[in-house]
Amino acid sequence: MERFEGKVVFVTGAASGIGRATALRLASEGASVYIVDVAMDGLEETAKSCEEAGAAVAFARCDVTDEDEIRSNIAACVEKFGKLDTLCNIAGILLLDHFGNITADQFRRVLEVNLVGTFMLSQAALPHLIESKGSIVNTSSTSALAGMPYGAAYGTSKGGVSALTRTIAVEFGKQGVRCNAVNPGSIQTAMTGPGAVPEDADMRLLARAMPLDRARGPEVVAATIALLASDDGSHINGEEIRVDGGTLA
């Protein structure tokens, strides 16, 4: 299936996890991909895999809290490929700790990466997306939809991403730009591996985040992102789609 033939996609957080899986999925469907992250070793591995899938690829370091790096990378993408059709905002960090232990600096850091970064990238990309009648796919979370124990900073940042998604959809829909979000839950990535949860966490609270069947890999989220970014999702705008195995059903 070549749903992205002739399309140019910019993917953040592409060194691992959902970002890598998304870059590979879109590359396998014909997209030219411009991928960024701060973890250059992982990013190079992703770029190599995308090239092996037959895609045209460019990659660069980009700190999503640095507005200058964001704008220079968006410009470099358009210069190399001639346009931009889709922005996939996937870069993010996870902080799980008891509410009373989270410092203000930690709280701000999570918001800077997960929410402010998404805002700045969308703002930089939108002039090009208006020209191409393109789309944005943001990464929210089930923590934006239901209380997540120990996730005060993370859940707040993702709730902001959900609100931002709807705002962009409404403000730019008549200009031909769509903006949607995925809400992953129970996805196995390095970010959610051992050590992510406080040692003395109440497992009865964490049981609320368990899927009906089992946790899945990041490829299931990438498949949903591909749907939203493709023409198959042409009438989906301002939507959030849970990819959580029925956790919040």
C-alpha atoms as a PDB file:
ATOM      1  CA  MET A   1       0.000   0.000   0.000  1.00  0.00           C
ATOM      2  CA  GLU A   2       1.571   3.305  -1.138  1.00  0.00           C
ATOM      3  CA  ARG A   3      -0.676   5.832   0.596  1.00  0.00           C
ATOM      4  CA  PHE A   4       2.217   8.277   1.025  1.00  0.00           C
ATOM      5  CA  GLU A   5       3.780   8.150  -2.420  1.00  0.00           C
ATOM      6  CA  GLY A   6       4.897  11.684  -3.265  1.00  0.00           C
ATOM      7  CA  LYS A   7       4.314  12.858   0.312  1.00  0.00           C
ATOM      8  CA  VAL A   8       6.857  14.431   2.667  1.00  0.00           C
ATOM      9  CA  VAL A   9       6.592  13.685   6.368  1.00  0.00           C
ATOM     10  CA  PHE A  10       8.448  15.254   9.316  1.00  0.00           C
ATOM     11  CA  VAL A  11       8.688  12.961  12.368  1.00  0.00           C
ATOM     12  CA  THR A  12      10.017  13.953  15.790  1.00  0.00           C
ATOM     13  CA  GLY A  13      11.256  11.522  18.420  1.00  0.00           C
ATOM     14  CA  ALA A  14      12.277   9.145  15.644  1.00  0.00           C
ATOM     15  CA  ALA A  15      15.272   7.533  17.364  1.00  0.00           C
ATOM     16  CA  SER A  16      13.131   4.931  19.113  1.00  0.00           C
ATOM     17  CA  GLY A  17       9.668   3.826  20.186  1.00  0.00           C
ATOM     18  CA  ILE A  18       6.582   5.275  18.531  1.00  0.00           C
ATOM     19  CA  GLY A  19       8.641   7.816  16.585  1.00  0.00           C
ATOM     20  CA  ARG A  20      10.814   5.140  14.995  1.00  0.00           C
ATOM     21  CA  ALA A  21       7.841   2.881  14.286  1.00  0.00           C
ATOM     22  CA  THR A  22       5.993   5.786  12.635  1.00  0.00           C
ATOM     23  CA  ALA A  23       8.940   6.769  10.462  1.00  0.00           C
ATOM     24  CA  LEU A  24       9.314   3.163   9.309  1.00  0.00           C
ATOM     25  CA  ARG A  25       5.590   2.739   8.665  1.00  0.00           C
ATOM     26  CA  LEU A  26       5.320   5.904   6.580  1.00  0.00           C
ATOM     27  CA  ALA A  27       8.566   5.160   4.744  1.00  0.00           C
ATOM     28  CA  SER A  28       7.259   1.693   3.870  1.00  0.00           C
ATOM     29  CA  GLU A  29       4.151   3.333   2.415  1.00  0.00           C
ATOM     30  CA  GLY A  30       6.131   5.565   0.081  1.00  0.00           C
ATOM     31  CA  ALA A  31       6.798   8.737   2.083  1.00  0.00           C
ATOM     32  CA  SER A  32       9.948  10.799   1.967  1.00  0.00           C
ATOM     33  CA  VAL A  33      10.828  11.266   5.635  1.00  0.00           C
ATOM     34  CA  TYR A  34      12.682  13.953   7.539  1.00  0.00           C
ATOM     35  CA  ILE A  35      13.341  12.555  11.002  1.00  0.00           C
ATOM     36  CA  VAL A  36      14.699  14.274  14.103  1.00  0.00           C
ATOM     37  CA  ASP A  37      15.668  13.460  17.669  1.00  0.00           C
ATOM     38  CA  VAL A  38      18.389  14.317  20.188  1.00  0.00           C
ATOM     39  CA  ALA A  39      19.604  10.680  20.332  1.00  0.00           C
ATOM     40  CA  MET A  40      21.723  10.577  17.195  1.00  0.00           C
ATOM     41  CA  ASP A  41      22.798   6.922  17.362  1.00  0.00           C
ATOM     42  CA  GLY A  42      19.203   5.720  17.421  1.00  0.00           C
ATOM     43  CA  LEU A  43      18.245   8.263  14.776  1.00  0.00           C
ATOM     44  CA  GLU A  44      20.902   6.953  12.397  1.00  0.00           C
ATOM     45  CA  GLU A  45      19.572   3.429  12.876  1.00  0.00           C
ATOM     46  CA  THR A  46      16.057   4.607  12.038  1.00  0.00           C
ATOM     47  CA  ALA A  47      17.314   6.437   8.956  1.00  0.00           C
ATOM     48  CA  LYS A  48      19.096   3.311   7.741  1.00  0.00           C
ATOM     49  CA  SER A  49      15.963   1.204   8.191  1.00  0.00           C
ATOM     50  CA  CYS A  50      13.870   3.779   6.297  1.00  0.00           C
ATOM     51  CA  GLU A  51      16.381   3.780   3.456  1.00  0.00           C
ATOM     52  CA  GLU A  52      16.255  -0.017   3.349  1.00  0.00           C
ATOM     53  CA  ALA A  53      12.490   0.324   2.950  1.00  0.00           C
ATOM     54  CA  GLY A  54      13.146   2.356  -0.184  1.00  0.00           C
ATOM     55  CA  ALA A  55      12.422   5.819   1.206  1.00  0.00           C
ATOM     56  CA  ALA A  56      14.231   9.086   0.653  1.00  0.00           C
ATOM     57  CA  VAL A  57      15.468  10.105   4.105  1.00  0.00           C
ATOM     58  CA  ALA A  58      17.054  13.054   5.836  1.00  0.00           C
ATOM     59  CA  PHE A  59      17.832  13.195   9.530  1.00  0.00           C
ATOM     60  CA  ALA A  60      19.137  15.787  11.956  1.00  0.00           C
ATOM     61  CA  ARG A  61      19.424  16.590  15.626  1.00  0.00           C
ATOM     62  CA  CYS A  62      16.544  18.649  16.951  1.00  0.00           C
ATOM     63  CA  ASP A  63      15.785  19.590  20.543  1.00  0.00           C
ATOM     64  CA  VAL A  64      12.036  20.218  20.538  1.00  0.00           C
ATOM     65  CA  THR A  65      12.427  22.804  23.306  1.00  0.00           C
ATOM     66  CA  ASP A  66      14.732  24.923  21.094  1.00  0.00           C
ATOM     67  CA  GLU A  67      12.734  27.166  18.760  1.00  0.00           C
ATOM     68  CA  ASP A  68      15.745  27.970  16.557  1.00  0.00           C
ATOM     69  CA  GLU A  69      16.511  24.278  16.007  1.00  0.00           C
ATOM     70  CA  ILE A  70      12.858  23.615  15.237  1.00  0.00           C
ATOM     71  CA  ARG A  71      12.585  26.356  12.651  1.00  0.00           C
ATOM     72  CA  SER A  72      15.899  25.506  10.988  1.00  0.00           C
ATOM     73  CA  ASN A  73      14.918  21.848  10.663  1.00  0.00           C
ATOM     74  CA  ILE A  74      11.484  22.596   9.231  1.00  0.00           C
ATOM     75  CA  ALA A  75      13.164  24.917   6.726  1.00  0.00           C
ATOM     76  CA  ALA A  76      15.773  22.259   5.897  1.00  0.00           C
ATOM     77  CA  CYS A  77      13.039  19.694   5.292  1.00  0.00           C
ATOM     78  CA  VAL A  78      11.222  21.954   2.836  1.00  0.00           C
ATOM     79  CA  GLU A  79      14.479  22.917   1.144  1.00  0.00           C
ATOM     80  CA  LYS A  80      15.466  19.292   0.621  1.00  0.00           C
ATOM     81  CA  PHE A  81      12.117  17.819  -0.395  1.00  0.00           C
ATOM     82  CA  GLY A  82      10.341  20.884  -1.784  1.00  0.00           C
ATOM     83  CA  LYS A  83       7.339  20.779   0.528  1.00  0.00           C
ATOM     84  CA  LEU A  84       5.873  19.377   3.739  1.00  0.00           C
ATOM     85  CA  ASP A  85       2.683  17.305   3.856  1.00  0.00           C
ATOM     86  CA  THR A  86       2.537  15.917   7.390  1.00  0.00           C
ATOM     87  CA  LEU A  87       4.018  16.742  10.780  1.00  0.00           C
ATOM     88  CA  CYS A  88       4.066  13.922  13.335  1.00  0.00           C
ATOM     89  CA  ASN A  89       4.716  15.318  16.808  1.00  0.00           C
ATOM     90  CA  ILE A  90       5.936  12.280  18.725  1.00  0.00           C
ATOM     91  CA  ALA A  91       8.940  13.408  20.785  1.00  0.00           C
ATOM     92  CA  GLY A  92       8.153  13.314  24.477  1.00  0.00           C
ATOM     93  CA  ILE A  93       9.355  12.448  27.956  1.00  0.00           C
ATOM     94  CA  LEU A  94       7.666  10.562  30.777  1.00  0.00           C
ATOM     95  CA  LEU A  95       7.842  11.413  34.466  1.00  0.00           C
ATOM     96  CA  LEU A  96       5.998   9.267  36.987  1.00  0.00           C
ATOM     97  CA  ASP A  97       6.389  10.101  40.666  1.00  0.00           C
ATOM     98  CA  HIS A  98       4.356  10.827  43.738  1.00  0.00           C
ATOM     99  CA  PHE A  99       2.641  14.186  43.442  1.00  0.00           C
ATOM    100  CA  GLY A 100       4.484  15.611  46.439  1.00  0.00           C
ATOM    101  CA  ASN A 101       7.885  14.634  45.078  1.00  0.00           C
ATOM    102  CA  ILE A 102       7.624  16.373  41.713  1.00  0.00           C
ATOM    103  CA  THR A 103       9.560  19.628  41.658  1.00  0.00           C
ATOM    104  CA  ALA A 104       8.423  22.712  39.800  1.00  0.00           C
ATOM    105  CA  ASP A 105      11.453  22.417  37.514  1.00  0.00           C
ATOM    106  CA  GLN A 106      10.535  18.821  36.659  1.00  0.00           C
ATOM    107  CA  PHE A 107       6.956  19.838  35.980  1.00  0.00           C
ATOM    108  CA  ARG A 108       8.076  22.665  33.687  1.00  0.00           C
ATOM    109  CA  ARG A 109      10.501  20.378  31.845  1.00  0.00           C
ATOM    110  CA  VAL A 110       7.784  17.861  30.994  1.00  0.00           C
ATOM    111  CA  LEU A 111       5.521  20.642  29.731  1.00  0.00           C
ATOM    112  CA  GLU A 112       8.353  22.176  27.706  1.00  0.00           C
ATOM    113  CA  VAL A 113       9.089  18.941  25.842  1.00  0.00           C
ATOM    114  CA  ASN A 114       5.616  17.447  25.490  1.00  0.00           C
ATOM    115  CA  LEU A 115       3.409  20.515  25.086  1.00  0.00           C
ATOM    116  CA  VAL A 116       5.455  23.597  24.231  1.00  0.00           C
ATOM    117  CA  GLY A 117       7.533  21.581  21.769  1.00  0.00           C
ATOM    118  CA  THR A 118       4.381  20.389  20.032  1.00  0.00           C
ATOM    119  CA  PHE A 119       3.143  23.981  19.864  1.00  0.00           C
ATOM    120  CA  MET A 120       6.393  25.360  18.411  1.00  0.00           C
ATOM    121  CA  LEU A 121       6.723  22.611  15.820  1.00  0.00           C
ATOM    122  CA  SER A 122       3.121  23.048  14.708  1.00  0.00           C
ATOM    123  CA  GLN A 123       3.552  26.792  14.469  1.00  0.00           C
ATOM    124  CA  ALA A 124       6.702  26.450  12.354  1.00  0.00           C
ATOM    125  CA  ALA A 125       5.151  23.824  10.061  1.00  0.00           C
ATOM    126  CA  LEU A 126       1.730  25.367   9.513  1.00  0.00           C
ATOM    127  CA  PRO A 127       2.604  27.809   6.698  1.00  0.00           C
ATOM    128  CA  HIS A 128       3.900  24.850   4.671  1.00  0.00           C
ATOM    129  CA  LEU A 129       0.984  22.626   5.629  1.00  0.00           C
ATOM    130  CA  ILE A 130      -1.493  25.278   4.535  1.00  0.00           C
ATOM    131  CA  GLU A 131       0.234  25.342   1.161  1.00  0.00           C
ATOM    132  CA  SER A 132       0.109  21.545   0.795  1.00  0.00           C
ATOM    133  CA  LYS A 133      -3.320  21.097   2.449  1.00  0.00           C
ATOM    134  CA  GLY A 134      -1.531  18.803   4.836  1.00  0.00           C
ATOM    135  CA  SER A 135      -1.999  17.471   8.336  1.00  0.00           C
ATOM    136  CA  ILE A 136      -0.618  17.269  11.850  1.00  0.00           C
ATOM    137  CA  VAL A 137      -0.763  14.182  14.036  1.00  0.00           C
ATOM    138  CA  ASN A 138       0.015  14.829  17.693  1.00  0.00           C
ATOM    139  CA  THR A 139       0.799  12.323  20.412  1.00  0.00           C
ATOM    140  CA  SER A 140      -1.446  12.701  23.419  1.00  0.00           C
ATOM    141  CA  SER A 141      -2.119   9.883  25.907  1.00  0.00           C
ATOM    142  CA  THR A 142      -4.833   8.056  27.774  1.00  0.00           C
ATOM    143  CA  SER A 143      -3.580  10.128  30.717  1.00  0.00           C
ATOM    144  CA  ALA A 144      -5.243  13.124  29.035  1.00  0.00           C
ATOM    145  CA  LEU A 145      -8.593  11.347  29.257  1.00  0.00           C
ATOM    146  CA  ALA A 146      -8.518   9.744  32.704  1.00  0.00           C
ATOM    147  CA  GLY A 147      -6.597  10.191  35.923  1.00  0.00           C
ATOM    148  CA  MET A 148      -3.141   8.617  35.787  1.00  0.00           C
ATOM    149  CA  PRO A 149      -1.567   7.824  39.155  1.00  0.00           C
ATOM    150  CA  TYR A 150       1.822   9.474  39.652  1.00  0.00           C
ATOM    151  CA  GLY A 151       1.406  11.300  36.335  1.00  0.00           C
ATOM    152  CA  ALA A 152       0.633  14.873  37.386  1.00  0.00           C
ATOM    153  CA  ALA A 153       3.196  16.409  35.034  1.00  0.00           C
ATOM    154  CA  TYR A 154       2.790  13.930  32.185  1.00  0.00           C
ATOM    155  CA  GLY A 155      -1.003  13.900  32.229  1.00  0.00           C
ATOM    156  CA  THR A 156      -1.163  17.689  32.386  1.00  0.00           C
ATOM    157  CA  SER A 157       1.161  18.013  29.403  1.00  0.00           C
ATOM    158  CA  LYS A 158      -0.869  15.541  27.356  1.00  0.00           C
ATOM    159  CA  GLY A 159      -4.152  17.203  28.294  1.00  0.00           C
ATOM    160  CA  GLY A 160      -2.653  20.357  26.834  1.00  0.00           C
ATOM    161  CA  VAL A 161      -1.702  18.506  23.654  1.00  0.00           C
ATOM    162  CA  SER A 162      -5.307  17.337  23.282  1.00  0.00           C
ATOM    163  CA  ALA A 163      -6.636  20.880  23.680  1.00  0.00           C
ATOM    164  CA  LEU A 164      -4.032  22.241  21.266  1.00  0.00           C
ATOM    165  CA  THR A 165      -5.018  19.602  18.719  1.00  0.00           C
ATOM    166  CA  ARG A 166      -8.641  20.719  18.727  1.00  0.00           C
ATOM    167  CA  THR A 167      -7.664  24.391  18.537  1.00  0.00           C
ATOM    168  CA  ILE A 168      -5.489  23.876  15.463  1.00  0.00           C
ATOM    169  CA  ALA A 169      -8.176  21.732  13.813  1.00  0.00           C
ATOM    170  CA  VAL A 170     -10.802  24.435  14.217  1.00  0.00           C
ATOM    171  CA  GLU A 171      -8.579  27.385  13.358  1.00  0.00           C
ATOM    172  CA  PHE A 172      -7.041  25.894  10.221  1.00  0.00           C
ATOM    173  CA  GLY A 173      -9.657  23.409   9.002  1.00  0.00           C
ATOM    174  CA  LYS A 174     -11.113  25.827   6.468  1.00  0.00           C
ATOM    175  CA  GLN A 175      -7.599  26.303   5.066  1.00  0.00           C
ATOM    176  CA  GLY A 176      -7.386  22.595   4.324  1.00  0.00           C
ATOM    177  CA  VAL A 177      -5.233  21.513   7.277  1.00  0.00           C
ATOM    178  CA  ARG A 178      -6.293  18.641   9.522  1.00  0.00           C
ATOM    179  CA  CYS A 179      -4.993  18.112  13.050  1.00  0.00           C
ATOM    180  CA  ASN A 180      -5.638  14.952  15.042  1.00  0.00           C
ATOM    181  CA  ALA A 181      -4.089  13.084  17.950  1.00  0.00           C
ATOM    182  CA  VAL A 182      -3.474   9.541  19.063  1.00  0.00           C
ATOM    183  CA  ASN A 183      -3.908   8.577  22.716  1.00  0.00           C
ATOM    184  CA  PRO A 184      -1.632   5.590  23.356  1.00  0.00           C
ATOM    185  CA  GLY A 185      -1.953   3.422  26.433  1.00  0.00           C
ATOM    186  CA  SER A 186      -0.221   0.181  27.459  1.00  0.00           C
ATOM    187  CA  ILE A 187       2.423   0.549  24.753  1.00  0.00           C
ATOM    188  CA  GLN A 188       5.786  -1.096  25.290  1.00  0.00           C
ATOM    189  CA  THR A 189       8.634   1.337  24.638  1.00  0.00           C
ATOM    190  CA  ALA A 190      11.934   2.164  26.327  1.00  0.00           C
ATOM    191  CA  MET A 191      10.242   5.165  27.927  1.00  0.00           C
ATOM    192  CA  THR A 192       7.771   2.934  29.764  1.00  0.00           C
ATOM    193  CA  GLY A 193      10.262   0.224  30.722  1.00  0.00           C
ATOM    194  CA  PRO A 194      11.651  -0.786  34.141  1.00  0.00           C
ATOM    195  CA  GLY A 195      12.141   2.132  36.485  1.00  0.00           C
ATOM    196  CA  ALA A 196       9.401   4.293  35.012  1.00  0.00           C
ATOM    197  CA  VAL A 197       7.075   3.735  37.987  1.00  0.00           C
ATOM    198  CA  PRO A 198       7.993   4.764  41.570  1.00  0.00           C
ATOM    199  CA  GLU A 199       9.293   1.813  43.592  1.00  0.00           C
ATOM    200  CA  ASP A 200       6.607   2.181  46.269  1.00  0.00           C
ATOM    201  CA  ALA A 201       3.755   2.710  43.795  1.00  0.00           C
ATOM    202  CA  ASP A 202       0.324   1.376  44.737  1.00  0.00           C
ATOM    203  CA  MET A 203      -0.275  -1.363  42.191  1.00  0.00           C
ATOM    204  CA  ARG A 204      -4.010  -1.192  42.801  1.00  0.00           C
ATOM    205  CA  LEU A 205      -3.970   2.290  41.283  1.00  0.00           C
ATOM    206  CA  LEU A 206      -1.766   1.249  38.382  1.00  0.00           C
ATOM    207  CA  ALA A 207      -4.170  -1.587  37.573  1.00  0.00           C
ATOM    208  CA  ARG A 208      -6.473   1.073  36.127  1.00  0.00           C
ATOM    209  CA  ALA A 209      -4.052   1.408  33.226  1.00  0.00           C
ATOM    210  CA  MET A 210      -4.080  -2.251  32.207  1.00  0.00           C
ATOM    211  CA  PRO A 211      -5.440  -3.224  28.751  1.00  0.00           C
ATOM    212  CA  LEU A 212      -8.158  -5.831  28.247  1.00  0.00           C
ATOM    213  CA  ASP A 213      -5.787  -8.152  26.409  1.00  0.00           C
ATOM    214  CA  ARG A 214      -2.078  -7.263  26.643  1.00  0.00           C
ATOM    215  CA  ALA A 215       0.389  -4.461  26.103  1.00  0.00           C
ATOM    216  CA  ARG A 216       1.457  -3.954  22.499  1.00  0.00           C
ATOM    217  CA  GLY A 217       4.447  -2.580  20.642  1.00  0.00           C
ATOM    218  CA  PRO A 218       4.700   0.905  19.129  1.00  0.00           C
ATOM    219  CA  GLU A 219       3.775  -0.359  15.665  1.00  0.00           C
ATOM    220  CA  VAL A 220       0.074  -0.362  16.597  1.00  0.00           C
ATOM    221  CA  VAL A 221       0.255   3.371  17.289  1.00  0.00           C
ATOM    222  CA  ALA A 222       2.199   3.950  14.070  1.00  0.00           C
ATOM    223  CA  ALA A 223      -0.585   2.251  12.117  1.00  0.00           C
ATOM    224  CA  THR A 224      -3.147   4.647  13.558  1.00  0.00           C
ATOM    225  CA  ILE A 225      -0.932   7.648  12.863  1.00  0.00           C
ATOM    226  CA  ALA A 226      -0.614   6.453   9.261  1.00  0.00           C
ATOM    227  CA  LEU A 227      -4.396   6.327   8.954  1.00  0.00           C
ATOM    228  CA  LEU A 228      -4.837   9.842  10.329  1.00  0.00           C
ATOM    229  CA  ALA A 229      -2.087  11.288   8.139  1.00  0.00           C
ATOM    230  CA  SER A 230      -3.248   9.588   4.934  1.00  0.00           C
ATOM    231  CA  ASP A 231      -6.087  10.379   2.559  1.00  0.00           C
ATOM    232  CA  ASP A 232      -8.007   7.563   4.265  1.00  0.00           C
ATOM    233  CA  GLY A 233      -8.376  10.006   7.154  1.00  0.00           C
ATOM    234  CA  SER A 234      -9.432  12.938   4.974  1.00  0.00           C
ATOM    235  CA  HIS A 235     -12.694  13.476   6.878  1.00  0.00           C
ATOM    236  CA  ILE A 236     -11.162  13.107  10.348  1.00  0.00           C
ATOM    237  CA  ASN A 237     -10.234  16.410  11.969  1.00  0.00           C
ATOM    238  CA  GLY A 238      -9.928  17.509  15.580  1.00  0.00           C
ATOM    239  CA  GLU A 239     -10.206  13.898  16.734  1.00  0.00           C
ATOM    240  CA  GLU A 240      -8.405  11.837  19.356  1.00  0.00           C
ATOM    241  CA  ILE A 241      -8.130   8.097  18.858  1.00  0.00           C
ATOM    242  CA  ARG A 242      -7.323   5.838  21.774  1.00  0.00           C
ATOM    243  CA  VAL A 243      -4.837   3.071  21.021  1.00  0.00           C
ATOM    244  CA  ASP A 244      -4.982   1.369  24.398  1.00  0.00           C
ATOM    245  CA  GLY A 245      -6.366  -2.141  24.087  1.00  0.00           C
ATOM    246  CA  GLY A 246      -9.656  -1.131  25.644  1.00  0.00           C
ATOM    247  CA  THR A 247      -8.162   0.306  28.829  1.00  0.00           C
ATOM    248  CA  LEU A 248     -10.627   3.189  28.916  1.00  0.00           C
ATOM    249  CA  ALA A 249     -13.532   1.389  27.251  1.00  0.00           C
END
